[in-house]
Amino acid sequence: MLNYLKLYPTDHHSRALTHLYCKMIDEEIPELVEYLDSRFLCNTENLERLNSGKIVNSIIPNSLVLEKQNVVEKMLNGDEKGGNIRVDILDMPSIYHYNDQNFKELFIALA
């Protein structure tokens, strides 16, 4: 199933799988790693140019459009100087926020 789902676009099915990620990790489903890799979305040109800084704050986007200036102001406190960073968008609804129960369960399963 995951071999086919990885071919589908953003937000096609990901909300329906949120409760299954931990179970798939526990069962050591071989296709899971490749599927999860497919959920990282291509960055915009703006974000690809954002490759250094010191992350000070986390941000939770409310859309798939992230502008470099918004990320610099909110996540990096306006300073692009620092170590190498990579900003990606991950198509895993309700897993992205560390206060969400699904996020906690996922990271416990990965540990």
C-alpha atoms as a PDB file:
ATOM      1  CA  MET A   1       0.000   0.000   0.000  1.00  0.00           C
ATOM      2  CA  LEU A   2       2.761   2.491   0.928  1.00  0.00           C
ATOM      3  CA  ASN A   3       4.488   1.904  -2.400  1.00  0.00           C
ATOM      4  CA  TYR A   4       1.425   3.354  -4.117  1.00  0.00           C
ATOM      5  CA  LEU A   5       0.572   6.062  -1.595  1.00  0.00           C
ATOM      6  CA  LYS A   6       4.033   7.611  -1.858  1.00  0.00           C
ATOM      7  CA  LEU A   7       3.188   8.525  -5.462  1.00  0.00           C
ATOM      8  CA  TYR A   8       0.188  10.650  -4.494  1.00  0.00           C
ATOM      9  CA  PRO A   9       0.333  14.421  -3.979  1.00  0.00           C
ATOM     10  CA  THR A  10       0.334  16.438  -0.774  1.00  0.00           C
ATOM     11  CA  ASP A  11      -2.646  16.109   1.552  1.00  0.00           C
ATOM     12  CA  HIS A  12      -4.194  13.344  -0.539  1.00  0.00           C
ATOM     13  CA  HIS A  13      -4.264  10.648   2.145  1.00  0.00           C
ATOM     14  CA  SER A  14      -1.909  11.701   4.932  1.00  0.00           C
ATOM     15  CA  ARG A  15      -4.632  12.699   7.398  1.00  0.00           C
ATOM     16  CA  ALA A  16      -6.115   9.216   7.163  1.00  0.00           C
ATOM     17  CA  LEU A  17      -2.793   7.579   8.140  1.00  0.00           C
ATOM     18  CA  THR A  18      -1.841   9.707  11.132  1.00  0.00           C
ATOM     19  CA  HIS A  19      -2.981   7.109  13.666  1.00  0.00           C
ATOM     20  CA  LEU A  20      -1.106   4.302  11.841  1.00  0.00           C
ATOM     21  CA  TYR A  21       2.458   5.660  11.777  1.00  0.00           C
ATOM     22  CA  CYS A  22       3.412   4.242  15.188  1.00  0.00           C
ATOM     23  CA  LYS A  23       1.889   0.877  14.387  1.00  0.00           C
ATOM     24  CA  MET A  24       3.839   0.731  11.096  1.00  0.00           C
ATOM     25  CA  ILE A  25       7.055   1.556  12.964  1.00  0.00           C
ATOM     26  CA  ASP A  26       6.367  -1.121  15.582  1.00  0.00           C
ATOM     27  CA  GLU A  27       5.650  -3.669  12.831  1.00  0.00           C
ATOM     28  CA  GLU A  28       8.847  -2.597  11.024  1.00  0.00           C
ATOM     29  CA  ILE A  29       7.087  -2.221   7.683  1.00  0.00           C
ATOM     30  CA  PRO A  30       9.979  -2.166   5.161  1.00  0.00           C
ATOM     31  CA  GLU A  31       8.339   0.364   2.810  1.00  0.00           C
ATOM     32  CA  LEU A  32       7.810   2.901   5.601  1.00  0.00           C
ATOM     33  CA  VAL A  33      11.182   4.657   5.304  1.00  0.00           C
ATOM     34  CA  GLU A  34      10.791   5.259   1.582  1.00  0.00           C
ATOM     35  CA  TYR A  35       7.206   6.394   2.120  1.00  0.00           C
ATOM     36  CA  LEU A  36       8.245   8.882   4.829  1.00  0.00           C
ATOM     37  CA  ASP A  37      10.985  10.243   2.556  1.00  0.00           C
ATOM     38  CA  SER A  38       8.323  10.895  -0.078  1.00  0.00           C
ATOM     39  CA  ARG A  39       6.374  13.094   2.349  1.00  0.00           C
ATOM     40  CA  PHE A  40       9.089  15.772   2.402  1.00  0.00           C
ATOM     41  CA  LEU A  41       7.861  18.345  -0.066  1.00  0.00           C
ATOM     42  CA  CYS A  42       9.955  20.259  -2.542  1.00  0.00           C
ATOM     43  CA  ASN A  43      10.953  23.587  -1.138  1.00  0.00           C
ATOM     44  CA  THR A  44      10.211  26.837  -2.780  1.00  0.00           C
ATOM     45  CA  GLU A  45      13.138  28.722  -4.283  1.00  0.00           C
ATOM     46  CA  ASN A  46      12.975  31.078  -1.285  1.00  0.00           C
ATOM     47  CA  LEU A  47      13.478  28.305   1.243  1.00  0.00           C
ATOM     48  CA  GLU A  48      16.219  26.593  -0.750  1.00  0.00           C
ATOM     49  CA  ARG A  49      18.259  29.783  -0.403  1.00  0.00           C
ATOM     50  CA  LEU A  50      17.756  29.707   3.364  1.00  0.00           C
ATOM     51  CA  ASN A  51      20.628  27.441   4.348  1.00  0.00           C
ATOM     52  CA  SER A  52      22.249  29.035   7.368  1.00  0.00           C
ATOM     53  CA  GLY A  53      21.164  30.488  10.677  1.00  0.00           C
ATOM     54  CA  LYS A  54      20.531  29.689  14.305  1.00  0.00           C
ATOM     55  CA  ILE A  55      17.036  28.365  14.952  1.00  0.00           C
ATOM     56  CA  VAL A  56      15.654  30.222  17.955  1.00  0.00           C
ATOM     57  CA  ASN A  57      11.908  29.567  17.675  1.00  0.00           C
ATOM     58  CA  SER A  58       9.814  26.853  16.094  1.00  0.00           C
ATOM     59  CA  ILE A  59       7.104  27.921  13.710  1.00  0.00           C
ATOM     60  CA  ILE A  60       3.966  26.085  12.703  1.00  0.00           C
ATOM     61  CA  PRO A  61       2.926  27.050   9.203  1.00  0.00           C
ATOM     62  CA  ASN A  62      -0.734  27.398   8.384  1.00  0.00           C
ATOM     63  CA  SER A  63      -0.186  26.896   4.669  1.00  0.00           C
ATOM     64  CA  LEU A  64       2.253  25.204   2.326  1.00  0.00           C
ATOM     65  CA  VAL A  65       3.594  28.570   1.210  1.00  0.00           C
ATOM     66  CA  LEU A  66       6.507  29.658   3.373  1.00  0.00           C
ATOM     67  CA  GLU A  67       8.255  32.891   2.561  1.00  0.00           C
ATOM     68  CA  LYS A  68      11.932  33.183   3.395  1.00  0.00           C
ATOM     69  CA  GLN A  69      11.515  36.553   5.107  1.00  0.00           C
ATOM     70  CA  ASN A  70       8.767  35.191   7.364  1.00  0.00           C
ATOM     71  CA  VAL A  71      10.958  32.230   8.386  1.00  0.00           C
ATOM     72  CA  VAL A  72      13.961  34.487   9.035  1.00  0.00           C
ATOM     73  CA  GLU A  73      11.922  36.886  11.177  1.00  0.00           C
ATOM     74  CA  LYS A  74      10.002  34.327  13.207  1.00  0.00           C
ATOM     75  CA  MET A  75      12.270  31.268  13.420  1.00  0.00           C
ATOM     76  CA  LEU A  76      15.712  32.847  13.265  1.00  0.00           C
ATOM     77  CA  ASN A  77      14.886  36.126  15.074  1.00  0.00           C
ATOM     78  CA  GLY A  78      15.958  38.065  11.972  1.00  0.00           C
ATOM     79  CA  ASP A  79      19.512  36.676  11.872  1.00  0.00           C
ATOM     80  CA  GLU A  80      20.646  34.426   8.992  1.00  0.00           C
ATOM     81  CA  LYS A  81      24.154  33.993  10.413  1.00  0.00           C
ATOM     82  CA  GLY A  82      25.017  30.712  12.075  1.00  0.00           C
ATOM     83  CA  GLY A  83      25.375  27.039  11.262  1.00  0.00           C
ATOM     84  CA  ASN A  84      23.994  25.106   8.315  1.00  0.00           C
ATOM     85  CA  ILE A  85      20.251  24.511   8.426  1.00  0.00           C
ATOM     86  CA  ARG A  86      17.649  22.986   6.148  1.00  0.00           C
ATOM     87  CA  VAL A  87      14.000  24.010   6.153  1.00  0.00           C
ATOM     88  CA  ASP A  88      11.578  21.443   4.735  1.00  0.00           C
ATOM     89  CA  ILE A  89       7.838  20.958   4.672  1.00  0.00           C
ATOM     90  CA  LEU A  90       6.651  17.550   5.866  1.00  0.00           C
ATOM     91  CA  ASP A  91       3.257  16.190   4.777  1.00  0.00           C
ATOM     92  CA  MET A  92       2.357  14.475   8.047  1.00  0.00           C
ATOM     93  CA  PRO A  93      -0.619  16.344   9.551  1.00  0.00           C
ATOM     94  CA  SER A  94      -0.758  16.493  13.348  1.00  0.00           C
ATOM     95  CA  ILE A  95       2.745  15.087  13.659  1.00  0.00           C
ATOM     96  CA  TYR A  96       4.501  18.429  13.179  1.00  0.00           C
ATOM     97  CA  HIS A  97       3.940  19.958  16.628  1.00  0.00           C
ATOM     98  CA  TYR A  98       5.772  18.714  19.698  1.00  0.00           C
ATOM     99  CA  ASN A  99       2.710  19.298  21.934  1.00  0.00           C
ATOM    100  CA  ASP A 100       0.517  17.016  19.822  1.00  0.00           C
ATOM    101  CA  GLN A 101      -0.078  13.514  21.202  1.00  0.00           C
ATOM    102  CA  ASN A 102       0.595  11.950  17.769  1.00  0.00           C
ATOM    103  CA  PHE A 103       4.000  13.663  17.685  1.00  0.00           C
ATOM    104  CA  LYS A 104       4.917  12.306  21.125  1.00  0.00           C
ATOM    105  CA  GLU A 105       3.818   8.771  20.230  1.00  0.00           C
ATOM    106  CA  LEU A 106       5.728   8.875  16.946  1.00  0.00           C
ATOM    107  CA  PHE A 107       8.987   9.880  18.605  1.00  0.00           C
ATOM    108  CA  ILE A 108       8.575   7.274  21.339  1.00  0.00           C
ATOM    109  CA  ALA A 109       8.055   4.638  18.613  1.00  0.00           C
ATOM    110  CA  LEU A 110      11.146   5.862  16.737  1.00  0.00           C
ATOM    111  CA  ALA A 111      13.328   5.736  19.876  1.00  0.00           C
END
